[in-house]
Amino acid sequence: MNRCYNTIKLSGLLANLLYMLLGIGVMCGAGLGLQAAEPNTPEHTYFVKSLVLGGTICMIVMFGCYGLICNLLCVNLIFTLFILICLGAEYLQLHHYHSTSHKTQGSAWQQLELAWHGLDSQPELMHQYEATQHCCGHDNSTDYRQLHLLLPASCYQANDTYQQQVFPRGCLETLSHSQRYIEHRDKLFMWSIVGLEIIILLQTAAFSVLLYRLRQQRRLARRQVPPGVRREPRSNHVRAGSRAQLLHAGDV
């Protein structure tokens, strides 16, 4: 049992360390995204929630590692409760993820539409969008030809050769590809956190059971009498001082 106890303890510490690294990664990604996102937008709210989630994960991991190192049963039980709460929060976040992703995609699509339809009045918005996203036109580069406009410099790829190449994809296709990549990445990251939380939950539950059994064994070992030693009933136990006083009183 001791070998199993040590194995679960070490694996639990490693899992908690990986869990903390994921939490730090969530905080770093949310911090970078929070700087680029505009306030009062779904993207800004999503990054704020991710930042809070990463900080909560780090605090829970420190609490759980304290219980593992100090072999505290009550701390491990509270840590198990925290993991269950995190699993519930992750389930709700995954359940409402589709609506959030659709809102984010709608906001980015609206930004592209405003830039494209404002090409006559504010062409620099579309040109800046093309230079940032490495795309040309709304659907492709033929959109400018249909409008009888010359291709702007933002549609050409920057290279060292004299031949300038136009970006092959339009901004709408680039936006769709970017949104799908972000959605798959976030789902993979969130499912990794959920899977690791389930592993930590099972390890913590097993560690708590083993810790309880080891404590019970130690208590029983303390109560057991070594072989060859006779234990007298408690009613016959008399202190040496009290026995001497009784003998002295009898002599008197």
C-alpha atoms as a PDB file:
ATOM      1  CA  MET A   1       0.000   0.000   0.000  1.00  0.00           C
ATOM      2  CA  ASN A   2       2.887   2.362   0.723  1.00  0.00           C
ATOM      3  CA  ARG A   3       4.253   1.927  -2.797  1.00  0.00           C
ATOM      4  CA  CYS A   4       0.850   2.674  -4.316  1.00  0.00           C
ATOM      5  CA  TYR A   5       0.509   5.652  -1.987  1.00  0.00           C
ATOM      6  CA  ASN A   6       3.855   7.122  -3.072  1.00  0.00           C
ATOM      7  CA  THR A   7       3.095   6.504  -6.753  1.00  0.00           C
ATOM      8  CA  ILE A   8      -0.248   8.290  -6.581  1.00  0.00           C
ATOM      9  CA  LYS A   9       1.312  11.131  -4.625  1.00  0.00           C
ATOM     10  CA  LEU A  10       4.114  11.718  -7.148  1.00  0.00           C
ATOM     11  CA  SER A  11       1.808  11.384 -10.152  1.00  0.00           C
ATOM     12  CA  GLY A  12      -0.615  13.793  -8.495  1.00  0.00           C
ATOM     13  CA  LEU A  13       2.132  16.369  -8.027  1.00  0.00           C
ATOM     14  CA  LEU A  14       3.166  16.035 -11.678  1.00  0.00           C
ATOM     15  CA  ALA A  15      -0.441  16.343 -12.862  1.00  0.00           C
ATOM     16  CA  ASN A  16      -0.938  19.441 -10.724  1.00  0.00           C
ATOM     17  CA  LEU A  17       2.257  20.945 -12.131  1.00  0.00           C
ATOM     18  CA  LEU A  18       1.003  20.384 -15.672  1.00  0.00           C
ATOM     19  CA  TYR A  19      -2.367  21.795 -14.644  1.00  0.00           C
ATOM     20  CA  MET A  20      -0.668  24.944 -13.369  1.00  0.00           C
ATOM     21  CA  LEU A  21       1.278  25.290 -16.618  1.00  0.00           C
ATOM     22  CA  LEU A  22      -2.002  25.135 -18.525  1.00  0.00           C
ATOM     23  CA  GLY A  23      -3.435  27.779 -16.218  1.00  0.00           C
ATOM     24  CA  ILE A  24      -0.429  30.030 -16.810  1.00  0.00           C
ATOM     25  CA  GLY A  25      -0.820  29.468 -20.553  1.00  0.00           C
ATOM     26  CA  VAL A  26      -4.478  30.470 -20.344  1.00  0.00           C
ATOM     27  CA  MET A  27      -3.532  33.647 -18.481  1.00  0.00           C
ATOM     28  CA  CYS A  28      -0.795  34.557 -20.980  1.00  0.00           C
ATOM     29  CA  GLY A  29      -3.041  33.974 -23.987  1.00  0.00           C
ATOM     30  CA  ALA A  30      -5.894  35.893 -22.390  1.00  0.00           C
ATOM     31  CA  GLY A  31      -3.587  38.776 -21.518  1.00  0.00           C
ATOM     32  CA  LEU A  32      -2.329  39.076 -25.093  1.00  0.00           C
ATOM     33  CA  GLY A  33      -5.833  38.821 -26.494  1.00  0.00           C
ATOM     34  CA  LEU A  34      -7.140  41.351 -24.002  1.00  0.00           C
ATOM     35  CA  GLN A  35      -4.699  43.954 -25.260  1.00  0.00           C
ATOM     36  CA  ALA A  36      -5.849  43.505 -28.858  1.00  0.00           C
ATOM     37  CA  ALA A  37      -9.594  43.221 -28.156  1.00  0.00           C
ATOM     38  CA  GLU A  38     -11.847  46.239 -28.018  1.00  0.00           C
ATOM     39  CA  PRO A  39     -13.771  46.919 -24.788  1.00  0.00           C
ATOM     40  CA  ASN A  40     -17.450  45.972 -24.511  1.00  0.00           C
ATOM     41  CA  THR A  41     -17.145  43.270 -27.166  1.00  0.00           C
ATOM     42  CA  PRO A  42     -17.646  39.484 -26.949  1.00  0.00           C
ATOM     43  CA  GLU A  43     -13.917  39.000 -27.531  1.00  0.00           C
ATOM     44  CA  HIS A  44     -13.073  41.243 -24.574  1.00  0.00           C
ATOM     45  CA  THR A  45     -15.508  39.379 -22.305  1.00  0.00           C
ATOM     46  CA  TYR A  46     -14.150  36.015 -23.419  1.00  0.00           C
ATOM     47  CA  PHE A  47     -10.563  36.997 -22.652  1.00  0.00           C
ATOM     48  CA  VAL A  48     -11.540  38.389 -19.242  1.00  0.00           C
ATOM     49  CA  LYS A  49     -13.235  35.091 -18.364  1.00  0.00           C
ATOM     50  CA  SER A  50     -10.171  33.183 -19.536  1.00  0.00           C
ATOM     51  CA  LEU A  51      -7.930  35.377 -17.394  1.00  0.00           C
ATOM     52  CA  VAL A  52     -10.067  34.708 -14.321  1.00  0.00           C
ATOM     53  CA  LEU A  53     -10.113  30.985 -15.117  1.00  0.00           C
ATOM     54  CA  GLY A  54      -6.318  30.818 -15.386  1.00  0.00           C
ATOM     55  CA  GLY A  55      -5.833  32.625 -12.081  1.00  0.00           C
ATOM     56  CA  THR A  56      -8.351  30.345 -10.369  1.00  0.00           C
ATOM     57  CA  ILE A  57      -6.553  27.265 -11.693  1.00  0.00           C
ATOM     58  CA  CYS A  58      -3.215  28.463 -10.305  1.00  0.00           C
ATOM     59  CA  MET A  59      -4.715  29.129  -6.860  1.00  0.00           C
ATOM     60  CA  ILE A  60      -6.431  25.729  -6.763  1.00  0.00           C
ATOM     61  CA  VAL A  61      -3.231  23.947  -7.785  1.00  0.00           C
ATOM     62  CA  MET A  62      -1.233  25.597  -4.995  1.00  0.00           C
ATOM     63  CA  PHE A  63      -3.910  24.559  -2.506  1.00  0.00           C
ATOM     64  CA  GLY A  64      -3.909  20.984  -3.807  1.00  0.00           C
ATOM     65  CA  CYS A  65      -0.114  20.681  -3.752  1.00  0.00           C
ATOM     66  CA  TYR A  66      -0.121  21.845  -0.143  1.00  0.00           C
ATOM     67  CA  GLY A  67      -2.527  19.037   0.746  1.00  0.00           C
ATOM     68  CA  LEU A  68      -0.460  16.444  -1.124  1.00  0.00           C
ATOM     69  CA  ILE A  69       2.861  17.446   0.407  1.00  0.00           C
ATOM     70  CA  CYS A  70       1.576  17.794   3.975  1.00  0.00           C
ATOM     71  CA  ASN A  71      -0.663  14.675   3.771  1.00  0.00           C
ATOM     72  CA  LEU A  72      -3.725  16.561   4.993  1.00  0.00           C
ATOM     73  CA  LEU A  73      -6.929  14.646   4.403  1.00  0.00           C
ATOM     74  CA  CYS A  74      -9.273  17.600   4.926  1.00  0.00           C
ATOM     75  CA  VAL A  75      -7.313  19.751   2.454  1.00  0.00           C
ATOM     76  CA  ASN A  76      -7.467  16.997  -0.166  1.00  0.00           C
ATOM     77  CA  LEU A  77     -11.210  16.682   0.289  1.00  0.00           C
ATOM     78  CA  ILE A  78     -11.653  20.444  -0.172  1.00  0.00           C
ATOM     79  CA  PHE A  79      -9.367  20.298  -3.205  1.00  0.00           C
ATOM     80  CA  THR A  80     -11.582  17.558  -4.663  1.00  0.00           C
ATOM     81  CA  LEU A  81     -14.585  19.835  -4.198  1.00  0.00           C
ATOM     82  CA  PHE A  82     -12.761  22.657  -5.994  1.00  0.00           C
ATOM     83  CA  ILE A  83     -11.962  20.365  -8.926  1.00  0.00           C
ATOM     84  CA  LEU A  84     -15.629  19.399  -9.170  1.00  0.00           C
ATOM     85  CA  ILE A  85     -16.577  23.081  -9.256  1.00  0.00           C
ATOM     86  CA  CYS A  86     -14.004  23.699 -12.008  1.00  0.00           C
ATOM     87  CA  LEU A  87     -15.397  20.787 -13.997  1.00  0.00           C
ATOM     88  CA  GLY A  88     -18.868  22.280 -13.721  1.00  0.00           C
ATOM     89  CA  ALA A  89     -17.600  25.666 -14.869  1.00  0.00           C
ATOM     90  CA  GLU A  90     -15.744  24.091 -17.794  1.00  0.00           C
ATOM     91  CA  TYR A  91     -18.862  22.172 -18.786  1.00  0.00           C
ATOM     92  CA  LEU A  92     -20.897  25.369 -18.835  1.00  0.00           C
ATOM     93  CA  GLN A  93     -18.187  27.119 -20.835  1.00  0.00           C
ATOM     94  CA  LEU A  94     -18.101  24.303 -23.387  1.00  0.00           C
ATOM     95  CA  HIS A  95     -21.897  24.227 -23.495  1.00  0.00           C
ATOM     96  CA  HIS A  96     -22.125  27.946 -24.281  1.00  0.00           C
ATOM     97  CA  TYR A  97     -19.026  28.014 -26.472  1.00  0.00           C
ATOM     98  CA  HIS A  98     -20.905  27.823 -29.773  1.00  0.00           C
ATOM     99  CA  SER A  99     -22.955  30.935 -29.077  1.00  0.00           C
ATOM    100  CA  THR A 100     -19.841  32.861 -28.046  1.00  0.00           C
ATOM    101  CA  SER A 101     -17.914  31.768 -31.136  1.00  0.00           C
ATOM    102  CA  HIS A 102     -20.796  32.794 -33.400  1.00  0.00           C
ATOM    103  CA  LYS A 103     -20.894  36.231 -31.781  1.00  0.00           C
ATOM    104  CA  THR A 104     -17.145  36.612 -32.223  1.00  0.00           C
ATOM    105  CA  GLN A 105     -17.316  35.519 -35.837  1.00  0.00           C
ATOM    106  CA  GLY A 106     -20.215  37.900 -36.475  1.00  0.00           C
ATOM    107  CA  SER A 107     -18.252  40.808 -35.053  1.00  0.00           C
ATOM    108  CA  ALA A 108     -15.218  40.063 -37.246  1.00  0.00           C
ATOM    109  CA  TRP A 109     -17.437  39.593 -40.302  1.00  0.00           C
ATOM    110  CA  GLN A 110     -19.141  42.926 -39.586  1.00  0.00           C
ATOM    111  CA  GLN A 111     -15.753  44.625 -39.405  1.00  0.00           C
ATOM    112  CA  LEU A 112     -14.813  43.204 -42.801  1.00  0.00           C
ATOM    113  CA  GLU A 113     -18.117  44.247 -44.341  1.00  0.00           C
ATOM    114  CA  LEU A 114     -17.794  47.798 -43.037  1.00  0.00           C
ATOM    115  CA  ALA A 115     -14.267  48.070 -44.401  1.00  0.00           C
ATOM    116  CA  TRP A 116     -15.268  46.732 -47.824  1.00  0.00           C
ATOM    117  CA  HIS A 117     -18.425  48.800 -48.224  1.00  0.00           C
ATOM    118  CA  GLY A 118     -16.533  51.893 -47.100  1.00  0.00           C
ATOM    119  CA  LEU A 119     -13.951  51.429 -49.831  1.00  0.00           C
ATOM    120  CA  ASP A 120     -15.051  54.598 -51.635  1.00  0.00           C
ATOM    121  CA  SER A 121     -15.041  56.894 -48.612  1.00  0.00           C
ATOM    122  CA  GLN A 122     -12.306  55.314 -46.458  1.00  0.00           C
ATOM    123  CA  PRO A 123     -10.168  52.981 -48.573  1.00  0.00           C
ATOM    124  CA  GLU A 124      -7.377  52.956 -45.991  1.00  0.00           C
ATOM    125  CA  LEU A 125      -9.493  50.758 -43.693  1.00  0.00           C
ATOM    126  CA  MET A 126      -9.732  47.996 -46.281  1.00  0.00           C
ATOM    127  CA  HIS A 127      -6.106  48.382 -47.270  1.00  0.00           C
ATOM    128  CA  GLN A 128      -5.024  48.106 -43.657  1.00  0.00           C
ATOM    129  CA  TYR A 129      -7.215  45.038 -43.217  1.00  0.00           C
ATOM    130  CA  GLU A 130      -5.687  43.422 -46.311  1.00  0.00           C
ATOM    131  CA  ALA A 131      -2.143  44.170 -45.195  1.00  0.00           C
ATOM    132  CA  THR A 132      -2.820  42.743 -41.747  1.00  0.00           C
ATOM    133  CA  GLN A 133      -4.686  39.599 -42.825  1.00  0.00           C
ATOM    134  CA  HIS A 134      -2.622  38.993 -46.007  1.00  0.00           C
ATOM    135  CA  CYS A 135      -5.623  38.888 -48.322  1.00  0.00           C
ATOM    136  CA  CYS A 136      -6.942  40.772 -51.336  1.00  0.00           C
ATOM    137  CA  GLY A 137     -10.506  41.893 -51.956  1.00  0.00           C
ATOM    138  CA  HIS A 138     -13.678  40.652 -50.366  1.00  0.00           C
ATOM    139  CA  ASP A 139     -13.866  37.305 -52.176  1.00  0.00           C
ATOM    140  CA  ASN A 140     -10.654  37.534 -54.223  1.00  0.00           C
ATOM    141  CA  SER A 141      -8.596  39.987 -56.235  1.00  0.00           C
ATOM    142  CA  THR A 142     -11.139  40.072 -59.083  1.00  0.00           C
ATOM    143  CA  ASP A 143     -13.435  42.195 -56.921  1.00  0.00           C
ATOM    144  CA  TYR A 144     -11.322  45.268 -57.721  1.00  0.00           C
ATOM    145  CA  ARG A 145     -11.475  44.525 -61.436  1.00  0.00           C
ATOM    146  CA  GLN A 146     -15.245  44.270 -61.304  1.00  0.00           C
ATOM    147  CA  LEU A 147     -15.318  47.694 -59.672  1.00  0.00           C
ATOM    148  CA  HIS A 148     -12.870  48.996 -62.319  1.00  0.00           C
ATOM    149  CA  LEU A 149     -10.264  49.780 -59.678  1.00  0.00           C
ATOM    150  CA  LEU A 150      -6.555  49.146 -59.621  1.00  0.00           C
ATOM    151  CA  LEU A 151      -5.170  46.656 -57.167  1.00  0.00           C
ATOM    152  CA  PRO A 152      -3.811  48.496 -54.124  1.00  0.00           C
ATOM    153  CA  ALA A 153      -0.335  47.911 -52.755  1.00  0.00           C
ATOM    154  CA  SER A 154      -1.820  45.997 -49.829  1.00  0.00           C
ATOM    155  CA  CYS A 155      -2.829  43.175 -52.205  1.00  0.00           C
ATOM    156  CA  TYR A 156       0.754  42.369 -53.157  1.00  0.00           C
ATOM    157  CA  GLN A 157       3.015  40.062 -51.206  1.00  0.00           C
ATOM    158  CA  ALA A 158       6.229  41.588 -49.939  1.00  0.00           C
ATOM    159  CA  ASN A 159       9.245  39.758 -51.395  1.00  0.00           C
ATOM    160  CA  ASP A 160      12.770  40.498 -52.525  1.00  0.00           C
ATOM    161  CA  THR A 161      12.137  39.749 -56.189  1.00  0.00           C
ATOM    162  CA  TYR A 162      10.910  42.216 -58.770  1.00  0.00           C
ATOM    163  CA  GLN A 163       7.841  40.106 -59.541  1.00  0.00           C
ATOM    164  CA  GLN A 164       5.031  41.112 -57.237  1.00  0.00           C
ATOM    165  CA  GLN A 165       2.540  38.370 -56.439  1.00  0.00           C
ATOM    166  CA  VAL A 166      -1.044  39.023 -55.430  1.00  0.00           C
ATOM    167  CA  PHE A 167      -2.465  37.329 -52.355  1.00  0.00           C
ATOM    168  CA  PRO A 168      -4.376  34.320 -53.703  1.00  0.00           C
ATOM    169  CA  ARG A 169      -7.159  34.341 -51.113  1.00  0.00           C
ATOM    170  CA  GLY A 170      -9.824  36.887 -50.401  1.00  0.00           C
ATOM    171  CA  CYS A 171     -10.393  38.405 -46.992  1.00  0.00           C
ATOM    172  CA  LEU A 172     -13.639  36.497 -46.419  1.00  0.00           C
ATOM    173  CA  GLU A 173     -11.914  33.148 -46.958  1.00  0.00           C
ATOM    174  CA  THR A 174      -9.004  34.214 -44.766  1.00  0.00           C
ATOM    175  CA  LEU A 175     -11.407  35.263 -42.031  1.00  0.00           C
ATOM    176  CA  SER A 176     -13.284  31.954 -42.189  1.00  0.00           C
ATOM    177  CA  HIS A 177     -10.045  29.983 -42.044  1.00  0.00           C
ATOM    178  CA  SER A 178      -8.797  32.040 -39.099  1.00  0.00           C
ATOM    179  CA  GLN A 179     -12.044  31.606 -37.187  1.00  0.00           C
ATOM    180  CA  ARG A 180     -12.022  27.836 -37.712  1.00  0.00           C
ATOM    181  CA  TYR A 181      -8.417  27.631 -36.527  1.00  0.00           C
ATOM    182  CA  ILE A 182      -9.164  29.659 -33.387  1.00  0.00           C
ATOM    183  CA  GLU A 183     -12.256  27.580 -32.652  1.00  0.00           C
ATOM    184  CA  HIS A 184     -10.399  24.269 -33.004  1.00  0.00           C
ATOM    185  CA  ARG A 185      -7.487  25.547 -30.924  1.00  0.00           C
ATOM    186  CA  ASP A 186      -9.718  26.768 -28.114  1.00  0.00           C
ATOM    187  CA  LYS A 187     -11.715  23.544 -28.078  1.00  0.00           C
ATOM    188  CA  LEU A 188      -8.556  21.450 -27.944  1.00  0.00           C
ATOM    189  CA  PHE A 189      -7.170  23.568 -25.125  1.00  0.00           C
ATOM    190  CA  MET A 190     -10.405  23.437 -23.142  1.00  0.00           C
ATOM    191  CA  TRP A 191     -10.805  19.677 -23.568  1.00  0.00           C
ATOM    192  CA  SER A 192      -7.191  19.233 -22.460  1.00  0.00           C
ATOM    193  CA  ILE A 193      -7.968  21.136 -19.274  1.00  0.00           C
ATOM    194  CA  VAL A 194     -11.136  19.100 -18.693  1.00  0.00           C
ATOM    195  CA  GLY A 195      -9.309  15.802 -19.235  1.00  0.00           C
ATOM    196  CA  LEU A 196      -6.525  16.811 -16.885  1.00  0.00           C
ATOM    197  CA  GLU A 197      -9.061  17.878 -14.268  1.00  0.00           C
ATOM    198  CA  ILE A 198     -10.714  14.452 -14.454  1.00  0.00           C
ATOM    199  CA  ILE A 199      -7.333  12.743 -13.993  1.00  0.00           C
ATOM    200  CA  ILE A 200      -6.498  14.975 -11.018  1.00  0.00           C
ATOM    201  CA  LEU A 201      -9.940  14.315  -9.540  1.00  0.00           C
ATOM    202  CA  LEU A 202      -9.432  10.545  -9.708  1.00  0.00           C
ATOM    203  CA  GLN A 203      -5.912  10.822  -8.297  1.00  0.00           C
ATOM    204  CA  THR A 204      -7.038  13.033  -5.436  1.00  0.00           C
ATOM    205  CA  ALA A 205      -9.922  10.706  -4.573  1.00  0.00           C
ATOM    206  CA  ALA A 206      -7.622   7.666  -4.588  1.00  0.00           C
ATOM    207  CA  PHE A 207      -5.014   9.542  -2.547  1.00  0.00           C
ATOM    208  CA  SER A 208      -7.616  10.535   0.045  1.00  0.00           C
ATOM    209  CA  VAL A 209      -8.821   6.935   0.382  1.00  0.00           C
ATOM    210  CA  LEU A 210      -5.275   5.607   0.790  1.00  0.00           C
ATOM    211  CA  LEU A 211      -4.421   8.343   3.265  1.00  0.00           C
ATOM    212  CA  TYR A 212      -7.488   7.468   5.336  1.00  0.00           C
ATOM    213  CA  ARG A 213      -6.622   3.762   5.318  1.00  0.00           C
ATOM    214  CA  LEU A 214      -3.022   4.410   6.323  1.00  0.00           C
ATOM    215  CA  ARG A 215      -4.172   6.517   9.239  1.00  0.00           C
ATOM    216  CA  GLN A 216      -6.553   3.784  10.325  1.00  0.00           C
ATOM    217  CA  GLN A 217      -3.749   1.223  10.172  1.00  0.00           C
ATOM    218  CA  ARG A 218      -1.487   3.424  12.285  1.00  0.00           C
ATOM    219  CA  ARG A 219      -4.203   3.881  14.883  1.00  0.00           C
ATOM    220  CA  LEU A 220      -4.799   0.140  15.067  1.00  0.00           C
ATOM    221  CA  ALA A 221      -1.068  -0.492  15.336  1.00  0.00           C
ATOM    222  CA  ARG A 222      -0.828   1.857  18.302  1.00  0.00           C
ATOM    223  CA  ARG A 223      -3.715   0.150  20.069  1.00  0.00           C
ATOM    224  CA  GLN A 224      -2.396  -3.364  19.560  1.00  0.00           C
ATOM    225  CA  VAL A 225      -0.416  -4.956  22.452  1.00  0.00           C
ATOM    226  CA  PRO A 226       2.914  -6.611  21.562  1.00  0.00           C
ATOM    227  CA  PRO A 227       2.968 -10.411  21.985  1.00  0.00           C
ATOM    228  CA  GLY A 228       4.053 -11.592  25.467  1.00  0.00           C
ATOM    229  CA  VAL A 229       2.864  -8.429  27.177  1.00  0.00           C
ATOM    230  CA  ARG A 230      -0.175  -8.795  29.406  1.00  0.00           C
ATOM    231  CA  ARG A 231      -2.492  -5.850  29.698  1.00  0.00           C
ATOM    232  CA  GLU A 232      -4.230  -5.491  33.037  1.00  0.00           C
ATOM    233  CA  PRO A 233      -7.785  -4.214  33.269  1.00  0.00           C
ATOM    234  CA  ARG A 234      -8.123  -0.514  33.789  1.00  0.00           C
ATOM    235  CA  SER A 235      -9.998  -1.040  37.064  1.00  0.00           C
ATOM    236  CA  ASN A 236      -6.910  -2.689  38.608  1.00  0.00           C
ATOM    237  CA  HIS A 237      -4.554   0.072  37.539  1.00  0.00           C
ATOM    238  CA  VAL A 238      -3.450   1.999  40.604  1.00  0.00           C
ATOM    239  CA  ARG A 239      -0.745   4.569  40.671  1.00  0.00           C
ATOM    240  CA  ALA A 240       2.370   3.846  42.685  1.00  0.00           C
ATOM    241  CA  GLY A 241       1.846   6.869  44.900  1.00  0.00           C
ATOM    242  CA  SER A 242      -1.769   5.944  45.632  1.00  0.00           C
ATOM    243  CA  ARG A 243      -0.802   2.340  46.447  1.00  0.00           C
ATOM    244  CA  ALA A 244       1.888   3.521  48.856  1.00  0.00           C
ATOM    245  CA  GLN A 245      -0.610   5.787  50.592  1.00  0.00           C
ATOM    246  CA  LEU A 246      -3.039   2.883  51.018  1.00  0.00           C
ATOM    247  CA  LEU A 247      -0.331   0.666  52.528  1.00  0.00           C
ATOM    248  CA  HIS A 248       0.734   3.432  54.891  1.00  0.00           C
ATOM    249  CA  ALA A 249      -2.869   3.955  55.993  1.00  0.00           C
ATOM    250  CA  GLY A 250      -3.229   0.205  56.663  1.00  0.00           C
ATOM    251  CA  ASP A 251      -0.128   0.153  58.849  1.00  0.00           C
ATOM    252  CA  VAL A 252      -1.455   3.019  60.911  1.00  0.00           C
END
